[in-house]
Amino acid sequence: MKFKWDKRYLYWGVTGFLTIAAAIVFYLSLDHFGEIMENIGRFLSVLTPVLYGFIIAYVLSPIANYIEKPCLRRLFYTIQDKKRERFLKKNPGKEPPAKTFPVRKVARVLSVTLTMIIALAVITGVTWIMLPQLIETITALVNNMPEYIREVTNWVEKIFEDNPQLEAYVLQFTNGISDMVNKWLTTDLLPQMNDIWNLISSNVMNILGLFTNILLGLVIAVYFLNSKELFAAQAKKIIYCIFNTKHANKIISATRDVHKSFGQFITGKLIDSFIIGALYIVIMNIFNMPYALLAGVIMGITSIIPFFGPFIGAVPCVLLMLLADPIQCIYFLILMIIIQQFDGNVLAPKIIGDSTGLSSFWVIFGMLVGQAIFGFAGLIIGIPLFAVIYSFIKNRVKNGLEDKNLPSDSNEYRDIHHIDPETGEAVMFPHPPYVKKKNEKKAVVFPFKKKNRNKNSENDNQDNPGDKE
């Protein structure tokens, strides 16, 4: 008797085996979860320079593109065209020699080199500005603290000289603050500085590893900038290999949306913050305000954080100004209000535009969630990341509603009580806030504007002429 092989049994056997194997792997993963996460963390730490390099290249890519395409390529092609014209004038009727100068390669190398030089110059300049100013400010603050306290005491005595009881109360309060500050400087700050120094000296290898990763990241960023089109093409090739064409197109389109949101927001915010910091430095130097460089750098760096950044940066600047000159502190506050109004209404919309497409509430929500998940970096990347998620959900909801012949505009749903499941019509609230009582007898059932998404929609409208009325 001939044995008949049934493929169904083979499929069931393979399915059962894979299910049991997956259950065993899942159980072992839970049992050794700590070791698995430790190995994953070790593997990711090896890729840290690559991550640094990608971030650096992503931020510097707009600068490199601008230097390469509108500047260097145009310059080289213009030079070649001029040479061709001169040759044709001197040798009429002859064919000019073939172009052998590699415009694209030379422009790419020069643009990447100039971009890295600019980046290193900016980092060096900010460090050169910040460290001396910070050391000088802390030293002056510690040395002049008794003088500040004496001036505050004299000012209080002069103001409240006609009210001895209030003067004694205020002096007691200011003396308590001065004692607290002196105690903090002598007993807390100096020991903490020693602890910080001991921590730095005991973690020299970790610090050297951090600098090594940053230097390797700069080198890897050069490779990313030099071959970014090749990497993008390879990523597309892999996506089209793994997924079918429809899903691959959706993945690539979503990646472009992410790049648009992140790129336009982050690079625009960096340019905007640089301009804001420069404005503070220039204007404060014109009016001879103290700590111009330090305040300008602080306000420029903290302006990268939307909404809360200027207020975060204003706190140390206002304290420094208040100790140096209270009148200048008032001028600084007025200057901050003017610059932030200029930035919010003129500069930022011109540079960044409405790149996120989020309302103010969702911007703050994205910042808070990003900060809770990613820490300080979440304050910067939280908004564009949430904008991508928001856009994805919005498109999915829009497509789902259009499949049901329902409108996707949120304003259409403001006064809806419910939707009739049989007719698909929207039943409004009986007393909308903007409808007068004399209109109560009017019909409260309004059909939605249905979108014709199939060929039978015209026939449906003919069968239901009441929908058109």
Protein backbone atom coordinates (compact mmCIF):
# COMPACT_ATOMS: atom_id res chain seq x y z
CA MET A 1 0.00 0.00 0.00
CA LYS A 2 1.45 3.32 -1.08
CA PHE A 3 1.87 5.94 1.67
CA LYS A 4 0.24 9.30 0.91
CA TRP A 5 2.10 12.30 2.33
CA ASP A 6 -0.17 15.10 3.47
CA LYS A 7 1.52 18.50 3.57
CA ARG A 8 -0.92 19.72 6.20
CA TYR A 9 0.72 17.50 8.82
CA LEU A 10 4.11 18.93 7.91
CA TYR A 11 2.84 22.49 8.30
CA TRP A 12 1.22 21.66 11.64
CA GLY A 13 4.39 19.99 12.87
CA VAL A 14 6.62 22.91 11.85
CA THR A 15 4.18 25.38 13.41
CA GLY A 16 4.09 23.44 16.67
CA PHE A 17 7.87 23.14 16.77
CA LEU A 18 8.35 26.88 16.16
CA THR A 19 5.77 27.72 18.81
CA ILE A 20 7.49 25.52 21.42
CA ALA A 21 10.91 26.90 20.44
CA ALA A 22 9.63 30.49 20.70
CA ALA A 23 8.18 29.76 24.15
CA ILE A 24 11.49 28.28 25.33
CA VAL A 25 13.44 31.27 23.99
CA PHE A 26 11.00 33.66 25.66
CA TYR A 27 11.32 31.85 29.00
CA LEU A 28 15.12 31.84 28.82
CA SER A 29 15.09 35.53 27.88
CA LEU A 30 13.06 36.38 30.98
CA ASP A 31 15.31 34.20 33.14
CA HIS A 32 18.48 35.89 31.86
CA PHE A 33 17.01 39.34 31.22
CA GLY A 34 19.71 41.18 33.16
CA GLU A 35 22.54 39.48 31.29
CA ILE A 36 20.87 40.13 27.94
CA MET A 37 20.43 43.84 28.69
CA GLU A 38 24.02 44.05 29.90
CA ASN A 39 25.27 42.54 26.65
CA ILE A 40 23.05 44.85 24.64
CA GLY A 41 24.40 47.83 26.56
CA ARG A 42 27.96 46.63 25.97
CA PHE A 43 27.27 46.28 22.25
CA LEU A 44 25.68 49.74 22.07
CA SER A 45 28.64 51.26 23.93
CA VAL A 46 30.88 49.95 21.16
CA LEU A 47 28.67 51.79 18.64
CA THR A 48 28.77 55.05 20.63
CA PRO A 49 31.32 56.73 18.28
CA VAL A 50 29.12 55.79 15.31
CA LEU A 51 26.11 57.36 17.03
CA TYR A 52 28.10 60.52 17.81
CA GLY A 53 29.31 60.65 14.23
CA PHE A 54 25.80 60.29 12.83
CA ILE A 55 24.45 63.07 15.07
CA ILE A 56 27.33 65.41 14.20
CA ALA A 57 26.97 64.68 10.49
CA TYR A 58 23.21 65.16 10.62
CA VAL A 59 23.54 68.57 12.27
CA LEU A 60 26.35 69.71 9.96
CA SER A 61 24.81 68.31 6.76
CA PRO A 62 22.86 71.51 5.85
CA ILE A 63 26.05 73.58 6.15
CA ALA A 64 28.01 71.13 4.00
CA ASN A 65 25.24 71.04 1.39
CA TYR A 66 25.10 74.83 1.19
CA ILE A 67 28.87 75.15 0.82
CA GLU A 68 29.01 72.41 -1.82
CA LYS A 69 26.09 72.99 -4.17
CA PRO A 70 25.26 76.71 -4.33
CA CYS A 71 28.85 77.83 -3.72
CA LEU A 72 31.63 75.51 -4.83
CA ARG A 73 29.92 73.63 -7.65
CA ARG A 74 28.56 76.83 -9.15
CA LEU A 75 32.01 78.41 -8.88
CA PHE A 76 33.78 75.47 -10.56
CA TYR A 77 31.19 75.13 -13.33
CA THR A 78 31.41 78.89 -13.99
CA ILE A 79 35.21 78.63 -14.30
CA GLN A 80 34.87 75.73 -16.75
CA ASP A 81 32.34 77.64 -18.85
CA LYS A 82 34.64 80.68 -18.97
CA LYS A 83 37.54 78.50 -20.14
CA ARG A 84 35.33 76.98 -22.82
CA GLU A 85 34.27 80.42 -24.07
CA ARG A 86 37.87 81.66 -24.21
CA PHE A 87 38.94 78.55 -26.13
CA LEU A 88 36.15 78.98 -28.70
CA LYS A 89 37.09 82.64 -29.20
CA LYS A 90 40.76 81.80 -29.78
CA ASN A 91 40.08 78.66 -31.82
CA PRO A 92 36.87 79.14 -33.84
CA GLY A 93 35.52 75.98 -35.34
CA LYS A 94 37.51 73.65 -33.10
CA GLU A 95 36.03 71.39 -30.47
CA PRO A 96 37.19 72.30 -26.92
CA PRO A 97 38.96 69.58 -24.93
CA ALA A 98 36.87 67.28 -22.75
CA LYS A 99 36.31 68.29 -19.15
CA THR A 100 38.61 66.30 -16.91
CA PHE A 101 38.31 68.31 -13.70
CA PRO A 102 36.25 66.27 -11.13
CA VAL A 103 33.93 69.04 -9.99
CA ARG A 104 31.71 66.92 -7.75
CA LYS A 105 34.52 65.13 -5.92
CA VAL A 106 36.57 68.27 -5.33
CA ALA A 107 33.51 70.25 -4.22
CA ARG A 108 32.49 67.47 -1.81
CA VAL A 109 35.96 67.21 -0.24
CA LEU A 110 36.32 70.98 0.14
CA SER A 111 32.79 71.39 1.55
CA VAL A 112 33.30 68.66 4.17
CA THR A 113 36.69 70.11 5.12
CA LEU A 114 35.34 73.64 5.48
CA THR A 115 32.33 72.39 7.45
CA MET A 116 34.48 70.55 9.98
CA ILE A 117 36.78 73.59 10.30
CA ILE A 118 33.75 75.80 10.99
CA ALA A 119 32.39 73.34 13.57
CA LEU A 120 35.71 73.07 15.41
CA ALA A 121 36.12 76.85 15.31
CA VAL A 122 32.67 77.37 16.84
CA ILE A 123 33.32 74.81 19.60
CA THR A 124 36.72 76.31 20.35
CA GLY A 125 35.31 79.84 20.35
CA VAL A 126 32.47 78.98 22.71
CA THR A 127 34.88 77.20 25.07
CA TRP A 128 37.31 80.10 24.91
CA ILE A 129 34.50 82.53 25.75
CA MET A 130 32.78 80.48 28.43
CA LEU A 131 35.63 79.17 30.59
CA PRO A 132 37.51 82.43 31.28
CA GLN A 133 34.27 84.35 31.80
CA LEU A 134 32.90 81.64 34.10
CA ILE A 135 36.08 81.46 36.17
CA GLU A 136 36.28 85.24 36.38
CA THR A 137 32.60 85.52 37.37
CA ILE A 138 32.86 82.91 40.14
CA THR A 139 36.06 84.48 41.48
CA ALA A 140 34.56 87.97 41.48
CA LEU A 141 31.40 86.68 43.12
CA VAL A 142 33.31 85.03 45.96
CA ASN A 143 35.65 88.00 46.46
CA ASN A 144 32.98 90.69 46.27
CA MET A 145 30.29 88.94 48.31
CA PRO A 146 31.09 90.90 51.52
CA GLU A 147 30.96 94.15 49.54
CA TYR A 148 27.60 93.19 48.03
CA ILE A 149 26.22 92.41 51.47
CA ARG A 150 27.55 95.73 52.83
CA GLU A 151 25.93 97.68 49.99
CA VAL A 152 22.61 95.92 50.51
CA THR A 153 22.77 96.67 54.23
CA ASN A 154 23.49 100.39 53.63
CA TRP A 155 20.68 100.54 51.09
CA VAL A 156 18.22 98.98 53.56
CA GLU A 157 19.31 101.35 56.34
CA LYS A 158 18.85 104.38 54.09
CA ILE A 159 15.37 103.35 52.93
CA PHE A 160 14.00 102.30 56.31
CA GLU A 161 15.75 104.91 58.51
CA ASP A 162 12.37 106.37 59.49
CA ASN A 163 11.03 102.98 60.57
CA PRO A 164 13.48 101.34 63.00
CA GLN A 165 11.35 98.24 63.63
CA LEU A 166 10.95 97.44 59.93
CA GLU A 167 14.64 98.23 59.43
CA ALA A 168 15.64 95.77 62.15
CA TYR A 169 13.42 93.08 60.64
CA VAL A 170 14.81 93.59 57.11
CA LEU A 171 18.42 93.69 58.39
CA GLN A 172 17.82 90.49 60.30
CA PHE A 173 16.53 88.91 57.12
CA THR A 174 19.45 90.14 54.97
CA ASN A 175 21.98 89.10 57.61
CA GLY A 176 20.45 85.64 57.66
CA ILE A 177 20.79 85.44 53.88
CA SER A 178 24.41 86.66 54.02
CA ASP A 179 25.27 84.10 56.70
CA MET A 180 23.63 81.39 54.63
CA VAL A 181 25.55 82.43 51.49
CA ASN A 182 28.87 82.60 53.35
CA LYS A 183 28.22 79.21 54.90
CA TRP A 184 27.40 77.76 51.49
CA LEU A 185 30.56 79.24 49.96
CA THR A 186 32.84 78.02 52.75
CA THR A 187 31.31 74.74 53.84
CA ASP A 188 29.47 73.49 50.75
CA LEU A 189 30.98 74.93 47.58
CA LEU A 190 34.67 74.39 48.34
CA PRO A 191 34.25 70.82 49.62
CA GLN A 192 32.07 70.08 46.60
CA MET A 193 34.76 71.47 44.31
CA ASN A 194 37.25 69.15 46.00
CA ASP A 195 34.83 66.24 45.58
CA ILE A 196 34.34 67.13 41.92
CA TRP A 197 38.09 67.29 41.40
CA ASN A 198 38.54 63.94 43.14
CA LEU A 199 35.76 62.48 41.02
CA ILE A 200 37.40 63.79 37.85
CA SER A 201 40.83 62.50 38.86
CA SER A 202 39.44 59.07 39.79
CA ASN A 203 37.54 58.76 36.50
CA VAL A 204 40.30 59.87 34.17
CA MET A 205 39.87 56.79 32.01
CA ASN A 206 36.15 57.39 31.62
CA ILE A 207 36.78 61.00 30.65
CA LEU A 208 39.48 59.97 28.20
CA GLY A 209 37.05 57.41 26.77
CA LEU A 210 34.44 60.14 26.32
CA PHE A 211 36.89 62.39 24.48
CA THR A 212 38.05 59.43 22.42
CA ASN A 213 34.46 58.67 21.41
CA ILE A 214 33.91 62.31 20.46
CA LEU A 215 37.10 62.41 18.36
CA LEU A 216 36.16 59.14 16.67
CA GLY A 217 32.69 60.58 16.15
CA LEU A 218 34.19 63.56 14.33
CA VAL A 219 36.17 61.23 12.07
CA ILE A 220 33.10 59.07 11.39
CA ALA A 221 31.07 62.24 10.71
CA VAL A 222 33.50 63.03 7.88
CA TYR A 223 32.72 59.64 6.30
CA PHE A 224 28.98 60.19 6.74
CA LEU A 225 29.15 63.64 5.14
CA ASN A 226 31.35 62.42 2.30
CA SER A 227 29.16 59.41 1.42
CA LYS A 228 25.66 60.35 2.62
CA GLU A 229 24.04 59.71 -0.79
CA LEU A 230 25.64 56.25 -0.95
CA PHE A 231 24.41 55.35 2.54
CA ALA A 232 20.90 56.56 1.66
CA ALA A 233 20.92 54.48 -1.53
CA GLN A 234 22.09 51.39 0.35
CA ALA A 235 19.33 51.85 2.94
CA LYS A 236 16.73 52.10 0.17
CA LYS A 237 18.11 48.97 -1.47
CA ILE A 238 17.82 47.00 1.78
CA ILE A 239 14.27 48.24 2.43
CA TYR A 240 13.11 47.29 -1.08
CA CYS A 241 14.77 43.89 -0.64
CA ILE A 242 13.05 43.10 2.68
CA PHE A 243 9.57 44.58 2.10
CA ASN A 244 7.24 44.63 -0.86
CA THR A 245 7.12 47.75 -2.99
CA LYS A 246 3.99 49.21 -1.37
CA HIS A 247 5.27 48.93 2.20
CA ALA A 248 8.79 50.00 1.19
CA ASN A 249 7.41 53.18 -0.37
CA LYS A 250 5.49 53.93 2.83
CA ILE A 251 8.61 53.37 4.97
CA ILE A 252 10.72 55.64 2.78
CA SER A 253 8.00 58.29 2.73
CA ALA A 254 7.73 58.16 6.53
CA THR A 255 11.51 58.45 6.81
CA ARG A 256 11.42 61.56 4.63
CA ASP A 257 8.77 63.06 6.91
CA VAL A 258 10.93 62.32 9.94
CA HIS A 259 13.95 63.88 8.24
CA LYS A 260 11.93 66.95 7.29
CA SER A 261 10.62 67.49 10.82
CA PHE A 262 13.95 66.83 12.55
CA GLY A 263 16.15 68.53 10.00
CA GLN A 264 14.19 71.71 9.57
CA PHE A 265 13.50 72.11 13.28
CA ILE A 266 16.90 71.25 14.76
CA THR A 267 19.13 72.96 12.20
CA GLY A 268 16.82 75.97 12.08
CA LYS A 269 16.83 76.17 15.86
CA LEU A 270 20.64 76.07 15.95
CA ILE A 271 20.87 78.94 13.44
CA ASP A 272 18.20 80.89 15.34
CA SER A 273 20.01 80.39 18.67
CA PHE A 274 23.32 81.50 17.16
CA ILE A 275 21.73 84.73 15.91
CA ILE A 276 20.02 85.35 19.26
CA GLY A 277 23.30 84.90 21.16
CA ALA A 278 25.09 87.25 18.77
CA LEU A 279 22.34 89.87 19.23
CA TYR A 280 22.73 89.73 23.01
CA ILE A 281 26.51 90.09 22.80
CA VAL A 282 26.41 93.01 20.33
CA ILE A 283 23.63 94.98 22.04
CA MET A 284 25.00 94.45 25.57
CA ASN A 285 28.45 95.60 24.44
CA ILE A 286 26.95 98.70 22.80
CA PHE A 287 25.24 99.68 26.07
CA ASN A 288 28.28 98.67 28.19
CA MET A 289 26.33 96.07 30.14
CA PRO A 290 28.36 93.68 32.31
CA TYR A 291 28.94 90.00 31.46
CA ALA A 292 28.03 90.56 27.80
CA LEU A 293 29.92 87.56 26.42
CA LEU A 294 28.84 85.17 29.16
CA ALA A 295 25.20 86.27 29.07
CA GLY A 296 25.11 86.14 25.26
CA VAL A 297 26.50 82.60 25.17
CA ILE A 298 24.14 81.42 27.92
CA MET A 299 21.08 82.95 26.27
CA GLY A 300 22.11 81.60 22.86
CA ILE A 301 22.61 78.04 24.12
CA THR A 302 19.44 77.94 26.20
CA SER A 303 17.39 79.39 23.31
CA ILE A 304 17.73 75.99 21.63
CA ILE A 305 15.10 74.81 24.13
CA PRO A 306 11.69 76.07 22.93
CA PHE A 307 9.48 78.17 25.21
CA PHE A 308 11.31 77.54 28.49
CA GLY A 309 14.86 78.04 27.20
CA PRO A 310 15.01 81.86 27.45
CA PHE A 311 13.63 81.77 31.00
CA ILE A 312 16.13 79.08 32.02
CA GLY A 313 19.01 81.14 30.64
CA ALA A 314 17.69 84.38 32.10
CA VAL A 315 17.89 83.15 35.72
CA PRO A 316 21.72 83.07 36.07
CA CYS A 317 22.11 86.15 33.87
CA VAL A 318 19.67 88.18 35.97
CA LEU A 319 21.39 87.09 39.20
CA LEU A 320 24.78 88.16 37.84
CA MET A 321 23.40 91.49 36.64
CA LEU A 322 21.67 92.07 39.95
CA LEU A 323 24.92 91.62 41.87
CA ALA A 324 26.86 93.82 39.45
CA ASP A 325 24.33 96.64 38.90
CA PRO A 326 20.57 96.47 39.71
CA ILE A 327 19.79 99.15 37.11
CA GLN A 328 21.59 97.15 34.41
CA CYS A 329 19.58 94.13 35.53
CA ILE A 330 16.36 96.00 34.70
CA TYR A 331 17.78 96.99 31.31
CA PHE A 332 18.71 93.37 30.67
CA LEU A 333 15.17 92.22 31.42
CA ILE A 334 13.78 94.81 29.00
CA LEU A 335 16.32 93.71 26.38
CA MET A 336 15.37 90.06 26.90
CA ILE A 337 11.67 90.81 26.39
CA ILE A 338 12.38 92.76 23.18
CA ILE A 339 14.69 90.10 21.71
CA GLN A 340 12.33 87.25 22.57
CA GLN A 341 9.43 89.09 20.95
CA PHE A 342 11.57 89.66 17.86
CA ASP A 343 12.62 86.01 17.87
CA GLY A 344 9.14 84.60 18.38
CA ASN A 345 7.34 86.83 15.87
CA VAL A 346 9.95 87.56 13.17
CA LEU A 347 13.20 85.57 13.30
CA ALA A 348 12.07 82.05 14.25
CA PRO A 349 9.12 81.94 11.79
CA LYS A 350 11.46 83.05 8.98
CA ILE A 351 14.15 80.47 9.77
CA ILE A 352 12.15 77.53 11.09
CA GLY A 353 8.64 78.23 9.87
CA ASP A 354 5.76 76.03 11.00
CA SER A 355 7.94 72.95 10.69
CA THR A 356 6.19 70.94 13.39
CA GLY A 357 2.56 71.73 12.60
CA LEU A 358 1.68 71.42 16.31
CA SER A 359 -0.39 73.70 18.47
CA SER A 360 1.13 75.31 21.57
CA PHE A 361 -0.42 72.70 23.86
CA TRP A 362 1.06 69.78 21.91
CA VAL A 363 4.45 71.52 21.75
CA ILE A 364 4.57 71.77 25.55
CA PHE A 365 3.24 68.22 25.87
CA GLY A 366 5.95 66.91 23.51
CA MET A 367 8.65 68.75 25.46
CA LEU A 368 7.51 67.37 28.82
CA VAL A 369 7.22 63.79 27.55
CA GLY A 370 10.57 64.05 25.74
CA GLN A 371 12.27 65.38 28.87
CA ALA A 372 10.78 62.61 31.00
CA ILE A 373 12.03 59.92 28.59
CA PHE A 374 15.30 61.29 27.18
CA GLY A 375 16.32 63.84 29.82
CA PHE A 376 17.77 67.16 28.71
CA ALA A 377 18.07 66.00 25.10
CA GLY A 378 14.32 65.36 25.12
CA LEU A 379 13.67 69.09 25.49
CA ILE A 380 15.20 69.53 22.03
CA ILE A 381 14.22 66.39 20.14
CA GLY A 382 10.89 65.85 21.91
CA ILE A 383 8.99 68.34 19.73
CA PRO A 384 10.01 67.07 16.26
CA LEU A 385 9.71 63.45 17.45
CA PHE A 386 6.20 64.05 18.76
CA ALA A 387 5.38 65.94 15.54
CA VAL A 388 6.22 62.82 13.55
CA ILE A 389 4.05 60.62 15.81
CA TYR A 390 1.24 63.19 15.69
CA SER A 391 1.40 63.37 11.90
CA PHE A 392 1.35 59.57 11.60
CA ILE A 393 -1.71 59.24 13.85
CA LYS A 394 -3.42 62.14 12.09
CA ASN A 395 -2.95 60.54 8.66
CA ARG A 396 -4.16 57.15 9.90
CA VAL A 397 -7.29 58.72 11.40
CA LYS A 398 -7.89 60.73 8.23
CA ASN A 399 -7.62 57.66 6.00
CA GLY A 400 -9.88 55.63 8.31
CA LEU A 401 -12.58 58.33 8.29
CA GLU A 402 -12.39 58.73 4.52
CA ASP A 403 -12.83 54.97 4.11
CA LYS A 404 -16.11 55.34 6.06
CA ASN A 405 -17.14 58.42 4.01
CA LEU A 406 -16.83 60.63 7.08
CA PRO A 407 -15.18 64.07 7.12
CA SER A 408 -11.69 64.40 8.55
CA ASP A 409 -11.97 68.04 9.63
CA SER A 410 -12.25 68.33 13.42
CA ASN A 411 -14.57 71.35 13.14
CA GLU A 412 -17.23 69.11 11.59
CA TYR A 413 -17.55 67.26 14.92
CA ARG A 414 -17.94 70.22 17.28
CA ASP A 415 -21.75 70.16 17.64
CA ILE A 416 -22.43 66.52 16.81
CA HIS A 417 -24.55 64.60 19.30
CA HIS A 418 -24.17 61.27 17.51
CA ILE A 419 -24.09 59.70 14.06
CA ASP A 420 -27.04 57.66 12.88
CA PRO A 421 -25.64 54.16 12.16
CA GLU A 422 -28.28 53.47 9.50
CA THR A 423 -28.24 56.67 7.45
CA GLY A 424 -24.71 57.86 8.32
CA GLU A 425 -26.09 61.32 9.09
CA ALA A 426 -24.88 63.55 11.89
CA VAL A 427 -27.46 64.42 14.56
CA MET A 428 -26.57 67.74 16.12
CA PHE A 429 -27.15 68.91 19.69
CA PRO A 430 -30.70 70.26 20.09
CA HIS A 431 -29.49 73.61 21.42
CA PRO A 432 -26.17 74.65 19.89
CA PRO A 433 -24.80 77.71 21.69
CA TYR A 434 -24.94 79.87 18.58
CA VAL A 435 -28.56 78.95 17.53
CA LYS A 436 -31.39 81.20 18.76
CA LYS A 437 -34.55 79.77 20.27
CA LYS A 438 -36.72 80.91 17.35
CA ASN A 439 -34.82 78.44 15.15
CA GLU A 440 -35.57 75.46 17.39
CA LYS A 441 -38.22 74.12 14.99
CA LYS A 442 -35.72 73.80 12.18
CA ALA A 443 -34.30 70.43 11.29
CA VAL A 444 -31.43 69.33 13.45
CA VAL A 445 -30.30 66.50 11.21
CA PHE A 446 -27.61 67.41 8.69
CA PRO A 447 -25.99 64.94 6.31
CA PHE A 448 -22.25 64.85 6.11
CA LYS A 449 -20.58 65.85 2.87
CA LYS A 450 -19.75 62.40 1.62
CA LYS A 451 -16.69 61.95 -0.53
CA ASN A 452 -17.14 59.86 -3.67
CA ARG A 453 -14.38 57.28 -3.36
CA ASN A 454 -15.90 54.60 -5.59
CA LYS A 455 -17.61 54.30 -8.92
CA ASN A 456 -21.03 53.57 -7.41
CA SER A 457 -21.22 56.86 -5.51
CA GLU A 458 -23.00 58.64 -8.38
CA ASN A 459 -25.69 55.97 -8.49
CA ASP A 460 -26.11 56.24 -4.72
CA ASN A 461 -26.73 59.99 -5.03
CA GLN A 462 -29.34 59.36 -7.72
CA ASP A 463 -31.13 56.84 -5.50
CA ASN A 464 -31.13 59.25 -2.53
CA PRO A 465 -31.99 62.70 -3.88
CA GLY A 466 -32.80 63.87 -0.38
CA ASP A 467 -29.08 63.92 0.45
CA LYS A 468 -28.54 66.79 -1.97
CA GLU A 469 -31.16 69.05 -0.42
